[in-house]
Amino acid sequence: WQAWQSVDLPLPGGVLIIGSSDSGRSWLIQLLGQAAAAAAAHVLKVSCKGLAGQSYDAAVAVLAAAAAEVAGRCPGLLLLDDLDLITPAASGDPGQQEQVG
């Protein structure tokens, strides 16, 4: 982490793993999490199934706290499993939704 900071590069972004149902996305992020933990990275997995049906503000608070925890303990990996369960369809208007999922 100190080496990363010493070259003054921006923090890395993220990776979105997509695929149809039963394509192995959850298995893949579990494998990535195990590899990161073995490399002494801080790994936090958030199951978005638990956020479905919660208010927008409650879901954002959970995700923001998770992101802050990982950002404060670099290197870190934040895994958002089943993110599609709390995101609106492409044709939906996210501004009109009061609940997530």
PDB file of N, CA and C in Angstrom:
ATOM      1  N   TRP A   1       0.822  -1.189   0.000  1.00  0.00           N
ATOM      2  CA  TRP A   1       0.000   0.000   0.000  1.00  0.00           C
ATOM      3  C   TRP A   1       0.868   1.255   0.000  1.00  0.00           C
ATOM      4  N   GLN A   2       1.939   1.253   0.786  1.00  0.00           N
ATOM      5  CA  GLN A   2       2.828   2.408   0.816  1.00  0.00           C
ATOM      6  C   GLN A   2       3.472   2.638  -0.541  1.00  0.00           C
ATOM      7  N   ALA A   3       3.798   1.546  -1.227  1.00  0.00           N
ATOM      8  CA  ALA A   3       4.378   1.675  -2.570  1.00  0.00           C
ATOM      9  C   ALA A   3       3.376   2.326  -3.516  1.00  0.00           C
ATOM     10  N   TRP A   4       2.114   1.963  -3.384  1.00  0.00           N
ATOM     11  CA  TRP A   4       1.075   2.541  -4.248  1.00  0.00           C
ATOM     12  C   TRP A   4       0.971   4.046  -3.996  1.00  0.00           C
ATOM     13  N   GLN A   5       0.972   4.429  -2.714  1.00  0.00           N
ATOM     14  CA  GLN A   5       0.866   5.842  -2.374  1.00  0.00           C
ATOM     15  C   GLN A   5       2.097   6.625  -2.819  1.00  0.00           C
ATOM     16  N   SER A   6       3.269   6.005  -2.783  1.00  0.00           N
ATOM     17  CA  SER A   6       4.495   6.729  -3.097  1.00  0.00           C
ATOM     18  C   SER A   6       4.584   7.137  -4.562  1.00  0.00           C
ATOM     19  N   VAL A   7       3.863   6.452  -5.453  1.00  0.00           N
ATOM     20  CA  VAL A   7       3.902   6.826  -6.862  1.00  0.00           C
ATOM     21  C   VAL A   7       2.754   7.767  -7.235  1.00  0.00           C
ATOM     22  N   ASP A   8       1.954   8.157  -6.236  1.00  0.00           N
ATOM     23  CA  ASP A   8       0.906   9.157  -6.414  1.00  0.00           C
ATOM     24  C   ASP A   8      -0.088   8.783  -7.520  1.00  0.00           C
ATOM     25  N   LEU A   9      -0.508   7.539  -7.528  1.00  0.00           N
ATOM     26  CA  LEU A   9      -1.520   7.098  -8.475  1.00  0.00           C
ATOM     27  C   LEU A   9      -2.884   7.143  -7.803  1.00  0.00           C
ATOM     28  N   PRO A  10      -3.950   7.343  -8.578  1.00  0.00           N
ATOM     29  CA  PRO A  10      -5.280   7.312  -7.970  1.00  0.00           C
ATOM     30  C   PRO A  10      -5.603   5.901  -7.479  1.00  0.00           C
ATOM     31  N   LEU A  11      -6.491   5.830  -6.502  1.00  0.00           N
ATOM     32  CA  LEU A  11      -6.905   4.521  -6.016  1.00  0.00           C
ATOM     33  C   LEU A  11      -7.552   3.733  -7.153  1.00  0.00           C
ATOM     34  N   PRO A  12      -7.332   2.430  -7.154  1.00  0.00           N
ATOM     35  CA  PRO A  12      -7.959   1.623  -8.200  1.00  0.00           C
ATOM     36  C   PRO A  12      -9.474   1.644  -8.072  1.00  0.00           C
ATOM     37  N   GLY A  13     -10.130   1.396  -9.174  1.00  0.00           N
ATOM     38  CA  GLY A  13     -11.586   1.383  -9.190  1.00  0.00           C
ATOM     39  C   GLY A  13     -12.116   0.016  -8.849  1.00  0.00           C
ATOM     40  N   GLY A  14     -13.133  -0.386  -9.556  1.00  0.00           N
ATOM     41  CA  GLY A  14     -13.761  -1.650  -9.262  1.00  0.00           C
ATOM     42  C   GLY A  14     -13.947  -2.490 -10.509  1.00  0.00           C
ATOM     43  N   VAL A  15     -14.446  -3.672 -10.278  1.00  0.00           N
ATOM     44  CA  VAL A  15     -14.725  -4.609 -11.348  1.00  0.00           C
ATOM     45  C   VAL A  15     -16.170  -5.060 -11.190  1.00  0.00           C
ATOM     46  N   LEU A  16     -16.917  -5.068 -12.267  1.00  0.00           N
ATOM     47  CA  LEU A  16     -18.284  -5.554 -12.256  1.00  0.00           C
ATOM     48  C   LEU A  16     -18.310  -6.887 -12.981  1.00  0.00           C
ATOM     49  N   ILE A  17     -18.690  -7.923 -12.260  1.00  0.00           N
ATOM     50  CA  ILE A  17     -18.773  -9.260 -12.838  1.00  0.00           C
ATOM     51  C   ILE A  17     -20.233  -9.521 -13.175  1.00  0.00           C
ATOM     52  N   ILE A  18     -20.505  -9.748 -14.447  1.00  0.00           N
ATOM     53  CA  ILE A  18     -21.881  -9.967 -14.871  1.00  0.00           C
ATOM     54  C   ILE A  18     -22.041 -11.361 -15.456  1.00  0.00           C
ATOM     55  N   GLY A  19     -23.248 -11.818 -15.471  1.00  0.00           N
ATOM     56  CA  GLY A  19     -23.553 -13.122 -16.046  1.00  0.00           C
ATOM     57  C   GLY A  19     -24.976 -13.498 -15.720  1.00  0.00           C
ATOM     58  N   SER A  20     -25.485 -14.457 -16.436  1.00  0.00           N
ATOM     59  CA  SER A  20     -26.856 -14.894 -16.209  1.00  0.00           C
ATOM     60  C   SER A  20     -26.947 -15.653 -14.886  1.00  0.00           C
ATOM     61  N   SER A  21     -28.161 -15.901 -14.475  1.00  0.00           N
ATOM     62  CA  SER A  21     -28.394 -16.656 -13.252  1.00  0.00           C
ATOM     63  C   SER A  21     -27.692 -18.005 -13.338  1.00  0.00           C
ATOM     64  N   ASP A  22     -27.086 -18.423 -12.248  1.00  0.00           N
ATOM     65  CA  ASP A  22     -26.358 -19.698 -12.166  1.00  0.00           C
ATOM     66  C   ASP A  22     -25.128 -19.754 -13.064  1.00  0.00           C
ATOM     67  N   SER A  23     -24.543 -18.590 -13.361  1.00  0.00           N
ATOM     68  CA  SER A  23     -23.333 -18.574 -14.194  1.00  0.00           C
ATOM     69  C   SER A  23     -22.058 -18.667 -13.361  1.00  0.00           C
ATOM     70  N   GLY A  24     -22.175 -18.588 -12.045  1.00  0.00           N
ATOM     71  CA  GLY A  24     -21.009 -18.722 -11.187  1.00  0.00           C
ATOM     72  C   GLY A  24     -20.458 -17.420 -10.657  1.00  0.00           C
ATOM     73  N   ARG A  25     -21.217 -16.341 -10.731  1.00  0.00           N
ATOM     74  CA  ARG A  25     -20.727 -15.045 -10.222  1.00  0.00           C
ATOM     75  C   ARG A  25     -20.412 -15.120  -8.735  1.00  0.00           C
ATOM     76  N   SER A  26     -21.315 -15.647  -7.948  1.00  0.00           N
ATOM     77  CA  SER A  26     -21.086 -15.722  -6.492  1.00  0.00           C
ATOM     78  C   SER A  26     -19.893 -16.603  -6.172  1.00  0.00           C
ATOM     79  N   TRP A  27     -19.757 -17.689  -6.883  1.00  0.00           N
ATOM     80  CA  TRP A  27     -18.605 -18.581  -6.689  1.00  0.00           C
ATOM     81  C   TRP A  27     -17.315 -17.832  -7.011  1.00  0.00           C
ATOM     82  N   LEU A  28     -17.319 -17.063  -8.092  1.00  0.00           N
ATOM     83  CA  LEU A  28     -16.122 -16.331  -8.490  1.00  0.00           C
ATOM     84  C   LEU A  28     -15.741 -15.278  -7.462  1.00  0.00           C
ATOM     85  N   ILE A  29     -16.710 -14.534  -6.937  1.00  0.00           N
ATOM     86  CA  ILE A  29     -16.328 -13.517  -5.954  1.00  0.00           C
ATOM     87  C   ILE A  29     -15.873 -14.166  -4.650  1.00  0.00           C
ATOM     88  N   GLN A  30     -16.423 -15.332  -4.332  1.00  0.00           N
ATOM     89  CA  GLN A  30     -15.935 -16.039  -3.141  1.00  0.00           C
ATOM     90  C   GLN A  30     -14.485 -16.459  -3.343  1.00  0.00           C
ATOM     91  N   LEU A  31     -14.166 -16.936  -4.510  1.00  0.00           N
ATOM     92  CA  LEU A  31     -12.793 -17.328  -4.835  1.00  0.00           C
ATOM     93  C   LEU A  31     -11.858 -16.120  -4.782  1.00  0.00           C
ATOM     94  N   LEU A  32     -12.290 -15.005  -5.327  1.00  0.00           N
ATOM     95  CA  LEU A  32     -11.483 -13.773  -5.272  1.00  0.00           C
ATOM     96  C   LEU A  32     -11.271 -13.329  -3.827  1.00  0.00           C
ATOM     97  N   GLY A  33     -12.325 -13.419  -3.037  1.00  0.00           N
ATOM     98  CA  GLY A  33     -12.214 -13.044  -1.625  1.00  0.00           C
ATOM     99  C   GLY A  33     -11.228 -13.912  -0.873  1.00  0.00           C
ATOM    100  N   GLN A  34     -11.245 -15.209  -1.135  1.00  0.00           N
ATOM    101  CA  GLN A  34     -10.304 -16.116  -0.483  1.00  0.00           C
ATOM    102  C   GLN A  34      -8.869 -15.806  -0.895  1.00  0.00           C
ATOM    103  N   ALA A  35      -8.664 -15.521  -2.174  1.00  0.00           N
ATOM    104  CA  ALA A  35      -7.314 -15.201  -2.651  1.00  0.00           C
ATOM    105  C   ALA A  35      -6.827 -13.888  -2.043  1.00  0.00           C
ATOM    106  N   ALA A  36      -7.707 -12.900  -1.950  1.00  0.00           N
ATOM    107  CA  ALA A  36      -7.319 -11.616  -1.365  1.00  0.00           C
ATOM    108  C   ALA A  36      -7.004 -11.771   0.116  1.00  0.00           C
ATOM    109  N   ALA A  37      -7.816 -12.549   0.828  1.00  0.00           N
ATOM    110  CA  ALA A  37      -7.566 -12.770   2.253  1.00  0.00           C
ATOM    111  C   ALA A  37      -6.248 -13.500   2.467  1.00  0.00           C
ATOM    112  N   ALA A  38      -5.932 -14.436   1.590  1.00  0.00           N
ATOM    113  CA  ALA A  38      -4.663 -15.161   1.689  1.00  0.00           C
ATOM    114  C   ALA A  38      -3.483 -14.223   1.466  1.00  0.00           C
ATOM    115  N   ALA A  39      -3.712 -13.138   0.728  1.00  0.00           N
ATOM    116  CA  ALA A  39      -2.662 -12.154   0.470  1.00  0.00           C
ATOM    117  C   ALA A  39      -2.681 -11.038   1.517  1.00  0.00           C
ATOM    118  N   ALA A  40      -3.375 -11.261   2.620  1.00  0.00           N
ATOM    119  CA  ALA A  40      -3.452 -10.325   3.750  1.00  0.00           C
ATOM    120  C   ALA A  40      -4.237  -9.061   3.435  1.00  0.00           C
ATOM    121  N   ALA A  41      -5.132  -9.113   2.478  1.00  0.00           N
ATOM    122  CA  ALA A  41      -6.008  -7.976   2.204  1.00  0.00           C
ATOM    123  C   ALA A  41      -7.231  -8.055   3.109  1.00  0.00           C
ATOM    124  N   HIS A  42      -7.782  -6.909   3.418  1.00  0.00           N
ATOM    125  CA  HIS A  42      -9.027  -6.870   4.192  1.00  0.00           C
ATOM    126  C   HIS A  42     -10.173  -7.138   3.219  1.00  0.00           C
ATOM    127  N   VAL A  43     -10.964  -8.163   3.477  1.00  0.00           N
ATOM    128  CA  VAL A  43     -12.061  -8.555   2.586  1.00  0.00           C
ATOM    129  C   VAL A  43     -13.380  -8.407   3.328  1.00  0.00           C
ATOM    130  N   LEU A  44     -14.320  -7.732   2.710  1.00  0.00           N
ATOM    131  CA  LEU A  44     -15.648  -7.569   3.279  1.00  0.00           C
ATOM    132  C   LEU A  44     -16.666  -7.931   2.206  1.00  0.00           C
ATOM    133  N   LYS A  45     -17.540  -8.864   2.521  1.00  0.00           N
ATOM    134  CA  LYS A  45     -18.580  -9.279   1.578  1.00  0.00           C
ATOM    135  C   LYS A  45     -19.928  -8.790   2.091  1.00  0.00           C
ATOM    136  N   VAL A  46     -20.665  -8.114   1.223  1.00  0.00           N
ATOM    137  CA  VAL A  46     -22.006  -7.652   1.542  1.00  0.00           C
ATOM    138  C   VAL A  46     -22.972  -8.426   0.655  1.00  0.00           C
ATOM    139  N   SER A  47     -23.888  -9.134   1.272  1.00  0.00           N
ATOM    140  CA  SER A  47     -24.939  -9.828   0.527  1.00  0.00           C
ATOM    141  C   SER A  47     -26.068  -8.840   0.306  1.00  0.00           C
ATOM    142  N   CYS A  48     -26.264  -8.452  -0.927  1.00  0.00           N
ATOM    143  CA  CYS A  48     -27.287  -7.457  -1.237  1.00  0.00           C
ATOM    144  C   CYS A  48     -28.700  -8.022  -1.110  1.00  0.00           C
ATOM    145  N   LYS A  49     -28.824  -9.341  -0.985  1.00  0.00           N
ATOM    146  CA  LYS A  49     -30.146  -9.932  -0.732  1.00  0.00           C
ATOM    147  C   LYS A  49     -30.733  -9.346   0.544  1.00  0.00           C
ATOM    148  N   GLY A  50     -29.884  -9.125   1.524  1.00  0.00           N
ATOM    149  CA  GLY A  50     -30.342  -8.577   2.793  1.00  0.00           C
ATOM    150  C   GLY A  50     -30.757  -7.122   2.709  1.00  0.00           C
ATOM    151  N   LEU A  51     -30.378  -6.436   1.646  1.00  0.00           N
ATOM    152  CA  LEU A  51     -30.737  -5.032   1.483  1.00  0.00           C
ATOM    153  C   LEU A  51     -32.024  -4.859   0.685  1.00  0.00           C
ATOM    154  N   ALA A  52     -32.426  -5.896  -0.037  1.00  0.00           N
ATOM    155  CA  ALA A  52     -33.645  -5.819  -0.846  1.00  0.00           C
ATOM    156  C   ALA A  52     -34.834  -5.548   0.063  1.00  0.00           C
ATOM    157  N   GLY A  53     -35.641  -4.584  -0.313  1.00  0.00           N
ATOM    158  CA  GLY A  53     -36.811  -4.234   0.478  1.00  0.00           C
ATOM    159  C   GLY A  53     -36.562  -3.158   1.511  1.00  0.00           C
ATOM    160  N   GLN A  54     -35.299  -2.846   1.783  1.00  0.00           N
ATOM    161  CA  GLN A  54     -34.994  -1.768   2.723  1.00  0.00           C
ATOM    162  C   GLN A  54     -35.177  -0.424   2.032  1.00  0.00           C
ATOM    163  N   SER A  55     -35.290   0.612   2.814  1.00  0.00           N
ATOM    164  CA  SER A  55     -35.390   1.950   2.231  1.00  0.00           C
ATOM    165  C   SER A  55     -34.079   2.289   1.529  1.00  0.00           C
ATOM    166  N   TYR A  56     -34.161   3.204   0.599  1.00  0.00           N
ATOM    167  CA  TYR A  56     -32.981   3.653  -0.131  1.00  0.00           C
ATOM    168  C   TYR A  56     -31.917   4.155   0.834  1.00  0.00           C
ATOM    169  N   ASP A  57     -32.317   4.992   1.781  1.00  0.00           N
ATOM    170  CA  ASP A  57     -31.354   5.566   2.730  1.00  0.00           C
ATOM    171  C   ASP A  57     -30.679   4.496   3.576  1.00  0.00           C
ATOM    172  N   ALA A  58     -31.430   3.478   3.991  1.00  0.00           N
ATOM    173  CA  ALA A  58     -30.853   2.405   4.797  1.00  0.00           C
ATOM    174  C   ALA A  58     -29.841   1.602   3.987  1.00  0.00           C
ATOM    175  N   ALA A  59     -30.188   1.295   2.736  1.00  0.00           N
ATOM    176  CA  ALA A  59     -29.274   0.531   1.877  1.00  0.00           C
ATOM    177  C   ALA A  59     -28.012   1.327   1.586  1.00  0.00           C
ATOM    178  N   VAL A  60     -28.159   2.612   1.304  1.00  0.00           N
ATOM    179  CA  VAL A  60     -26.994   3.462   1.037  1.00  0.00           C
ATOM    180  C   VAL A  60     -26.102   3.540   2.263  1.00  0.00           C
ATOM    181  N   ALA A  61     -26.691   3.627   3.438  1.00  0.00           N
ATOM    182  CA  ALA A  61     -25.903   3.694   4.673  1.00  0.00           C
ATOM    183  C   ALA A  61     -25.073   2.425   4.861  1.00  0.00           C
ATOM    184  N   VAL A  62     -25.658   1.267   4.596  1.00  0.00           N
ATOM    185  CA  VAL A  62     -24.927   0.005   4.724  1.00  0.00           C
ATOM    186  C   VAL A  62     -23.780  -0.049   3.724  1.00  0.00           C
ATOM    187  N   LEU A  63     -24.059   0.305   2.476  1.00  0.00           N
ATOM    188  CA  LEU A  63     -23.021   0.257   1.436  1.00  0.00           C
ATOM    189  C   LEU A  63     -21.923   1.290   1.691  1.00  0.00           C
ATOM    190  N   ALA A  64     -22.294   2.481   2.146  1.00  0.00           N
ATOM    191  CA  ALA A  64     -21.294   3.514   2.441  1.00  0.00           C
ATOM    192  C   ALA A  64     -20.398   3.095   3.603  1.00  0.00           C
ATOM    193  N   ALA A  65     -20.979   2.491   4.629  1.00  0.00           N
ATOM    194  CA  ALA A  65     -20.178   2.026   5.763  1.00  0.00           C
ATOM    195  C   ALA A  65     -19.224   0.921   5.328  1.00  0.00           C
ATOM    196  N   ALA A  66     -19.692   0.026   4.476  1.00  0.00           N
ATOM    197  CA  ALA A  66     -18.828  -1.052   3.982  1.00  0.00           C
ATOM    198  C   ALA A  66     -17.683  -0.480   3.153  1.00  0.00           C
ATOM    199  N   ALA A  67     -17.981   0.468   2.285  1.00  0.00           N
ATOM    200  CA  ALA A  67     -16.940   1.080   1.461  1.00  0.00           C
ATOM    201  C   ALA A  67     -15.922   1.822   2.323  1.00  0.00           C
ATOM    202  N   ALA A  68     -16.390   2.525   3.331  1.00  0.00           N
ATOM    203  CA  ALA A  68     -15.482   3.252   4.226  1.00  0.00           C
ATOM    204  C   ALA A  68     -14.588   2.290   4.999  1.00  0.00           C
ATOM    205  N   GLU A  69     -15.159   1.169   5.446  1.00  0.00           N
ATOM    206  CA  GLU A  69     -14.361   0.185   6.186  1.00  0.00           C
ATOM    207  C   GLU A  69     -13.229  -0.359   5.317  1.00  0.00           C
ATOM    208  N   VAL A  70     -13.550  -0.710   4.096  1.00  0.00           N
ATOM    209  CA  VAL A  70     -12.531  -1.274   3.204  1.00  0.00           C
ATOM    210  C   VAL A  70     -11.508  -0.213   2.813  1.00  0.00           C
ATOM    211  N   ALA A  71     -11.963   0.989   2.544  1.00  0.00           N
ATOM    212  CA  ALA A  71     -11.040   2.059   2.146  1.00  0.00           C
ATOM    213  C   ALA A  71     -10.070   2.398   3.267  1.00  0.00           C
ATOM    214  N   GLY A  72     -10.515   2.257   4.497  1.00  0.00           N
ATOM    215  CA  GLY A  72      -9.665   2.573   5.638  1.00  0.00           C
ATOM    216  C   GLY A  72      -8.699   1.469   6.015  1.00  0.00           C
ATOM    217  N   ARG A  73      -8.802   0.321   5.379  1.00  0.00           N
ATOM    218  CA  ARG A  73      -7.940  -0.805   5.734  1.00  0.00           C
ATOM    219  C   ARG A  73      -7.318  -1.395   4.475  1.00  0.00           C
ATOM    220  N   CYS A  74      -6.659  -0.566   3.710  1.00  0.00           N
ATOM    221  CA  CYS A  74      -6.054  -1.009   2.449  1.00  0.00           C
ATOM    222  C   CYS A  74      -4.857  -1.896   2.690  1.00  0.00           C
ATOM    223  N   PRO A  75      -4.563  -2.855   1.840  1.00  0.00           N
ATOM    224  CA  PRO A  75      -5.383  -3.161   0.672  1.00  0.00           C
ATOM    225  C   PRO A  75      -6.662  -3.858   1.083  1.00  0.00           C
ATOM    226  N   GLY A  76      -7.707  -3.619   0.321  1.00  0.00           N
ATOM    227  CA  GLY A  76      -8.991  -4.187   0.663  1.00  0.00           C
ATOM    228  C   GLY A  76      -9.797  -4.568  -0.547  1.00  0.00           C
ATOM    229  N   LEU A  77     -10.795  -5.387  -0.291  1.00  0.00           N
ATOM    230  CA  LEU A  77     -11.675  -5.869  -1.347  1.00  0.00           C
ATOM    231  C   LEU A  77     -13.089  -5.863  -0.802  1.00  0.00           C
ATOM    232  N   LEU A  78     -13.966  -5.135  -1.469  1.00  0.00           N
ATOM    233  CA  LEU A  78     -15.373  -5.090  -1.102  1.00  0.00           C
ATOM    234  C   LEU A  78     -16.139  -5.889  -2.144  1.00  0.00           C
ATOM    235  N   LEU A  79     -16.802  -6.942  -1.693  1.00  0.00           N
ATOM    236  CA  LEU A  79     -17.564  -7.814  -2.581  1.00  0.00           C
ATOM    237  C   LEU A  79     -19.046  -7.551  -2.361  1.00  0.00           C
ATOM    238  N   LEU A  80     -19.747  -7.157  -3.411  1.00  0.00           N
ATOM    239  CA  LEU A  80     -21.185  -6.918  -3.343  1.00  0.00           C
ATOM    240  C   LEU A  80     -21.869  -8.047  -4.094  1.00  0.00           C
ATOM    241  N   ASP A  81     -22.322  -9.036  -3.358  1.00  0.00           N
ATOM    242  CA  ASP A  81     -22.959 -10.205  -3.965  1.00  0.00           C
ATOM    243  C   ASP A  81     -24.429  -9.919  -4.231  1.00  0.00           C
ATOM    244  N   ASP A  82     -24.919 -10.334  -5.376  1.00  0.00           N
ATOM    245  CA  ASP A  82     -26.316 -10.148  -5.784  1.00  0.00           C
ATOM    246  C   ASP A  82     -26.704  -8.679  -5.874  1.00  0.00           C
ATOM    247  N   LEU A  83     -25.811  -7.857  -6.380  1.00  0.00           N
ATOM    248  CA  LEU A  83     -26.077  -6.423  -6.536  1.00  0.00           C
ATOM    249  C   LEU A  83     -27.288  -6.175  -7.422  1.00  0.00           C
ATOM    250  N   ASP A  84     -27.521  -7.071  -8.378  1.00  0.00           N
ATOM    251  CA  ASP A  84     -28.653  -6.894  -9.283  1.00  0.00           C
ATOM    252  C   ASP A  84     -29.998  -6.917  -8.550  1.00  0.00           C
ATOM    253  N   LEU A  85     -30.038  -7.437  -7.349  1.00  0.00           N
ATOM    254  CA  LEU A  85     -31.296  -7.491  -6.606  1.00  0.00           C
ATOM    255  C   LEU A  85     -31.715  -6.133  -6.043  1.00  0.00           C
ATOM    256  N   ILE A  86     -30.791  -5.183  -5.992  1.00  0.00           N
ATOM    257  CA  ILE A  86     -31.128  -3.874  -5.422  1.00  0.00           C
ATOM    258  C   ILE A  86     -30.974  -2.732  -6.414  1.00  0.00           C
ATOM    259  N   THR A  87     -30.703  -3.043  -7.658  1.00  0.00           N
ATOM    260  CA  THR A  87     -30.570  -2.003  -8.670  1.00  0.00           C
ATOM    261  C   THR A  87     -31.783  -2.025  -9.582  1.00  0.00           C
ATOM    262  N   PRO A  88     -32.254  -0.859  -9.999  1.00  0.00           N
ATOM    263  CA  PRO A  88     -33.422  -0.833 -10.877  1.00  0.00           C
ATOM    264  C   PRO A  88     -33.075  -1.351 -12.268  1.00  0.00           C
ATOM    265  N   ALA A  89     -34.075  -1.838 -12.962  1.00  0.00           N
ATOM    266  CA  ALA A  89     -33.878  -2.263 -14.342  1.00  0.00           C
ATOM    267  C   ALA A  89     -33.487  -1.050 -15.174  1.00  0.00           C
ATOM    268  N   ALA A  90     -32.823  -1.270 -16.281  1.00  0.00           N
ATOM    269  CA  ALA A  90     -32.355  -0.176 -17.122  1.00  0.00           C
ATOM    270  C   ALA A  90     -33.498   0.733 -17.558  1.00  0.00           C
ATOM    271  N   SER A  91     -34.690   0.188 -17.688  1.00  0.00           N
ATOM    272  CA  SER A  91     -35.828   1.001 -18.115  1.00  0.00           C
ATOM    273  C   SER A  91     -36.496   1.722 -16.949  1.00  0.00           C
ATOM    274  N   GLY A  92     -36.110   1.370 -15.723  1.00  0.00           N
ATOM    275  CA  GLY A  92     -36.726   1.975 -14.549  1.00  0.00           C
ATOM    276  C   GLY A  92     -36.171   3.357 -14.261  1.00  0.00           C
ATOM    277  N   ASP A  93     -36.909   4.110 -13.491  1.00  0.00           N
ATOM    278  CA  ASP A  93     -36.486   5.438 -13.077  1.00  0.00           C
ATOM    279  C   ASP A  93     -36.072   5.373 -11.610  1.00  0.00           C
ATOM    280  N   PRO A  94     -34.758   5.337 -11.321  1.00  0.00           N
ATOM    281  CA  PRO A  94     -34.321   5.166  -9.938  1.00  0.00           C
ATOM    282  C   PRO A  94     -34.805   6.290  -9.025  1.00  0.00           C
ATOM    283  N   GLY A  95     -35.073   7.447  -9.565  1.00  0.00           N
ATOM    284  CA  GLY A  95     -35.552   8.553  -8.749  1.00  0.00           C
ATOM    285  C   GLY A  95     -36.958   8.324  -8.208  1.00  0.00           C
ATOM    286  N   GLN A  96     -37.694   7.431  -8.808  1.00  0.00           N
ATOM    287  CA  GLN A  96     -39.063   7.169  -8.391  1.00  0.00           C
ATOM    288  C   GLN A  96     -39.167   6.049  -7.354  1.00  0.00           C
ATOM    289  N   GLN A  97     -38.077   5.360  -7.096  1.00  0.00           N
ATOM    290  CA  GLN A  97     -38.142   4.230  -6.184  1.00  0.00           C
ATOM    291  C   GLN A  97     -37.911   4.666  -4.746  1.00  0.00           C
ATOM    292  N   GLU A  98     -38.789   4.228  -3.849  1.00  0.00           N
ATOM    293  CA  GLU A  98     -38.641   4.549  -2.440  1.00  0.00           C
ATOM    294  C   GLU A  98     -37.941   3.436  -1.693  1.00  0.00           C
ATOM    295  N   GLN A  99     -38.016   2.216  -2.230  1.00  0.00           N
ATOM    296  CA  GLN A  99     -37.378   1.095  -1.594  1.00  0.00           C
ATOM    297  C   GLN A  99     -36.391   0.483  -2.574  1.00  0.00           C
ATOM    298  N   VAL A 100     -35.400  -0.190  -2.033  1.00  0.00           N
ATOM    299  CA  VAL A 100     -34.411  -0.859  -2.854  1.00  0.00           C
ATOM    300  C   VAL A 100     -34.917  -2.265  -3.111  1.00  0.00           C
ATOM    301  N   GLY A 101     -34.841  -2.687  -4.360  1.00  0.00           N
ATOM    302  CA  GLY A 101     -35.227  -4.061  -4.703  1.00  0.00           C
ATOM    303  C   GLY A 101     -36.677  -4.274  -4.924  1.00  0.00           C
TER     304      GLY A 101
END
